[in-house]
Protein backbone atom coordinates (compact mmCIF):
# COMPACT_ATOMS: atom_id res chain seq x y z
CA MET A 1 79.82 181.56 57.53
CA ALA A 2 82.97 180.98 59.26
CA ALA A 3 86.01 180.44 57.25
CA LYS A 4 87.60 177.00 57.38
CA LYS A 5 90.79 176.81 59.32
CA ALA A 6 93.82 175.91 57.32
CA VAL A 7 95.41 172.50 57.91
CA ASN A 8 98.46 172.78 60.11
CA TRP A 9 100.82 170.80 57.89
CA LYS A 10 103.78 171.48 60.14
CA LEU A 11 102.03 169.84 63.13
CA TRP A 12 100.82 166.81 61.11
CA SER A 13 104.26 166.28 59.60
CA LYS A 14 105.78 166.21 63.10
CA VAL A 15 103.13 163.67 64.22
CA LEU A 16 103.71 161.42 61.19
CA ILE A 17 107.52 161.56 61.53
CA GLY A 18 107.32 160.89 65.28
CA GLY A 19 104.91 157.97 64.76
CA ALA A 20 107.11 156.44 62.09
CA ALA A 21 110.16 156.85 64.32
CA VAL A 22 108.42 155.11 67.25
CA SER A 23 106.76 152.33 65.25
CA VAL A 24 109.79 151.53 63.08
CA GLY A 25 112.64 152.73 65.26
CA GLY A 26 111.48 151.05 68.49
CA PRO A 27 111.56 147.47 67.18
CA ALA A 28 114.74 148.20 65.21
CA PHE A 29 116.42 149.55 68.36
CA THR A 30 115.26 146.50 70.36
CA TYR A 31 116.58 144.16 67.64
CA TRP A 32 119.90 146.01 67.67
CA LEU A 33 120.22 145.83 71.48
CA THR A 34 119.19 142.18 71.92
CA PRO A 35 122.27 139.92 71.88
CA THR A 36 122.30 136.81 69.72
CA GLU A 37 122.47 133.35 71.26
CA GLU A 38 126.16 133.05 70.32
CA GLN A 39 126.95 136.36 72.01
CA LEU A 40 125.22 135.22 75.18
CA ARG A 41 127.08 131.89 75.16
CA ALA A 42 130.39 133.72 74.67
CA ARG A 43 129.77 135.51 77.99
CA TYR A 44 129.16 132.26 79.94
CA ASN A 45 131.90 130.89 82.10
CA PRO A 46 133.45 127.75 80.52
CA GLU A 47 131.65 125.31 82.81
CA LEU A 48 128.20 126.74 82.05
CA LEU A 49 129.06 126.90 78.36
CA GLN A 50 129.98 123.21 78.33
CA ARG A 51 126.76 122.25 80.18
CA SER A 52 124.69 124.40 77.84
CA ILE A 53 126.20 122.81 74.76
CA GLU A 54 125.73 119.27 76.13
CA GLY A 55 122.09 119.81 77.09
CA ARG A 56 121.11 121.81 74.01
CA GLU A 57 120.17 118.88 71.78
CA GLU A 58 118.18 117.18 74.55
CA LYS A 59 116.21 120.36 75.28
CA GLU A 60 115.49 120.87 71.58
CA GLN A 61 114.35 117.26 71.29
CA GLU A 62 112.10 117.60 74.37
CA PHE A 63 110.56 120.77 72.93
CA ASP A 64 109.97 119.07 69.58
CA GLU A 65 108.26 116.16 71.36
CA PHE A 66 106.15 118.62 73.35
CA VAL A 67 105.03 120.40 70.19
CA THR A 68 104.28 117.07 68.50
CA ARG A 69 102.14 116.01 71.49
CA LEU A 70 100.31 119.34 71.42
CA LYS A 71 99.53 118.87 67.73
CA ALA A 72 98.21 115.38 68.45
CA TYR A 73 96.10 116.70 71.34
CA ALA A 74 94.71 119.47 69.10
CA LYS A 75 93.43 116.89 66.59
CA SER A 76 91.03 115.54 69.20
CA ASP A 77 87.48 116.85 69.45
CA LYS A 78 87.89 117.27 73.22
CA PRO A 79 89.49 120.31 74.84
CA ILE A 80 93.27 120.06 75.14
CA TRP A 81 93.26 120.09 78.95
CA VAL A 82 90.93 117.06 79.01
CA VAL A 83 93.12 115.17 76.53
CA VAL A 84 96.26 116.05 78.53
CA LYS A 85 94.63 114.81 81.74
CA GLU A 86 93.65 111.51 80.08
CA GLU A 87 97.19 111.12 78.73
CA ASP A 88 98.67 111.75 82.19
CA GLU A 89 96.36 109.12 83.72
CA ARG A 90 97.35 106.62 81.02
CA ARG A 91 101.06 107.29 81.68
CA LYS A 92 100.57 106.88 85.44
CA LYS A 93 98.87 103.51 84.90
CA GLN A 94 101.74 102.39 82.68
CA ALA A 95 104.31 103.54 85.25
CA LEU A 96 102.48 101.68 88.03
CA ALA A 97 102.30 98.52 85.93
CA ALA A 98 106.01 98.79 85.12
CA GLY A 99 106.80 99.36 88.81
CA LYS A 100 104.79 96.32 89.85
CA ALA A 101 106.50 94.16 87.23
CA GLN A 102 109.90 95.39 88.38
CA GLN A 103 109.00 94.73 92.02
CA GLN A 104 107.84 91.19 91.19
CA GLU A 105 111.05 90.57 89.27
CA ALA A 106 113.15 91.80 92.21
CA SER A 107 111.13 89.63 94.59
CA ALA A 108 111.68 86.60 92.38
CA GLN A 109 115.42 87.33 92.29
CA ARG A 110 115.54 87.58 96.11
CA GLU A 111 113.70 84.28 96.47
CA GLU A 112 116.09 82.63 94.01
CA MET A 113 119.08 84.01 95.90
CA ARG A 114 117.63 82.70 99.19
CA ARG A 115 117.14 79.27 97.68
CA GLN A 116 120.67 79.25 96.28
CA ALA A 117 122.10 80.32 99.65
CA GLY A 118 120.16 77.54 101.36
CA LEU A 119 118.16 79.90 103.56
CA GLY A 120 114.80 78.70 102.37
CA ALA A 121 111.85 80.72 101.23
CA LYS A 122 110.67 83.98 102.75
CA GLY A 123 109.00 83.56 106.13
CA GLN A 124 110.51 80.13 106.86
CA LYS A 125 112.15 79.64 110.24
CA ARG A 126 115.55 78.06 110.64
CA GLU A 127 116.02 75.58 113.41
CA SER A 128 118.56 76.26 116.10
CA GLY A 129 121.37 73.87 116.89
CA VAL A 130 120.89 74.49 120.63
CA ALA A 131 118.38 72.27 122.36
CA GLY A 132 115.47 74.08 123.94
CA LEU A 133 115.30 77.17 121.72
CA TYR A 134 111.83 77.62 120.34
CA ASN A 135 109.71 80.29 118.81
CA THR A 136 107.58 81.85 121.57
CA ASN A 137 104.95 82.81 119.00
CA ASP A 138 104.09 79.12 118.90
CA ALA A 139 103.92 79.15 122.75
CA GLN A 140 106.66 76.53 122.92
CA VAL A 141 109.22 77.36 125.56
CA GLY A 142 112.04 74.86 125.79
CA SER A 143 114.00 73.71 128.81
CA ALA A 144 116.92 76.04 128.15
CA ALA A 145 114.62 79.04 127.86
CA ALA A 146 112.24 78.19 130.69
CA GLY A 147 113.59 80.85 133.06
CA ASP A 148 113.55 83.62 130.44
CA GLY A 149 110.01 84.83 130.75
CA THR A 150 106.69 84.52 129.10
CA ALA A 151 105.69 84.90 125.48
CA GLU A 152 104.41 88.42 126.26
CA GLU A 153 107.85 89.59 127.40
CA SER A 154 109.70 88.08 124.46
CA GLN A 155 107.36 88.00 121.49
CA ARG A 156 109.70 86.26 119.08
CA TRP A 157 112.43 84.23 120.74
CA CYS A 158 113.50 82.86 124.10
CA TRP A 159 117.06 83.47 125.18
CA PRO A 160 119.12 80.76 126.84
CA PRO A 161 119.63 81.57 130.54
CA VAL A 162 123.04 79.94 130.87
CA ALA A 163 126.05 82.09 129.87
CA SER A 164 128.15 78.99 129.18
CA GLN A 165 126.06 78.38 126.09
CA LEU A 166 127.24 81.67 124.60
CA ASP A 167 130.56 82.03 122.86
CA ALA A 168 132.83 85.07 123.42
CA ASP A 169 131.64 87.01 120.39
CA SER A 170 127.96 86.62 121.07
CA LYS A 171 128.44 87.59 124.76
CA ARG A 172 129.45 91.04 123.58
CA HIS A 173 126.30 91.32 121.51
CA GLY A 174 124.04 89.58 124.01
CA ARG A 175 122.79 86.81 121.76
CA SER A 176 123.21 83.08 121.37
CA ALA A 177 125.98 81.64 119.21
CA VAL A 178 123.46 79.56 117.27
CA TRP A 179 120.23 81.45 116.94
CA GLU A 180 116.84 80.70 115.57
CA TYR A 181 115.41 83.51 113.41
CA GLU A 182 112.88 84.41 110.79
CA LEU A 183 114.28 85.47 107.47
CA PRO A 184 113.86 89.21 106.77
CA THR A 185 111.11 90.30 104.44
């Protein structure tokens, strides 16, 4: 029979000491090298430091809300990604409904402002003070606009052919002093 080899205690002691040094010393060295949050903030320039301090509470609050939502999603029997998708769809519907309500409110305010200004409701046409100006969409061409062209050439309005009907300011802009128009939408 062959004799058993003796245990190499010197080798195993080196292995155990090296393993302990790596497994305990590595994390300790990393902990020692990693700067704290205060040390990092001390290295910021003053402007970044101020912004970081101002936004810190908001970011912490957002993270807390995120974690709270995740906990609520986890309580469901469905997978989290399905619950998150449903929640996103619900939020989109709420945002669309709020947008529509806001748009209707703004539209109502515009209509009220038009009524108060005496312009009339949206889409109403004001009548011109110059005889013979008509809306060509209605195929009515008045005597003053008879030489201007057909309804195809001027889809909305006929221009008066006589320059004496124009005042000095409107000559520069090429339009009648008193003009018939449709209120903007």
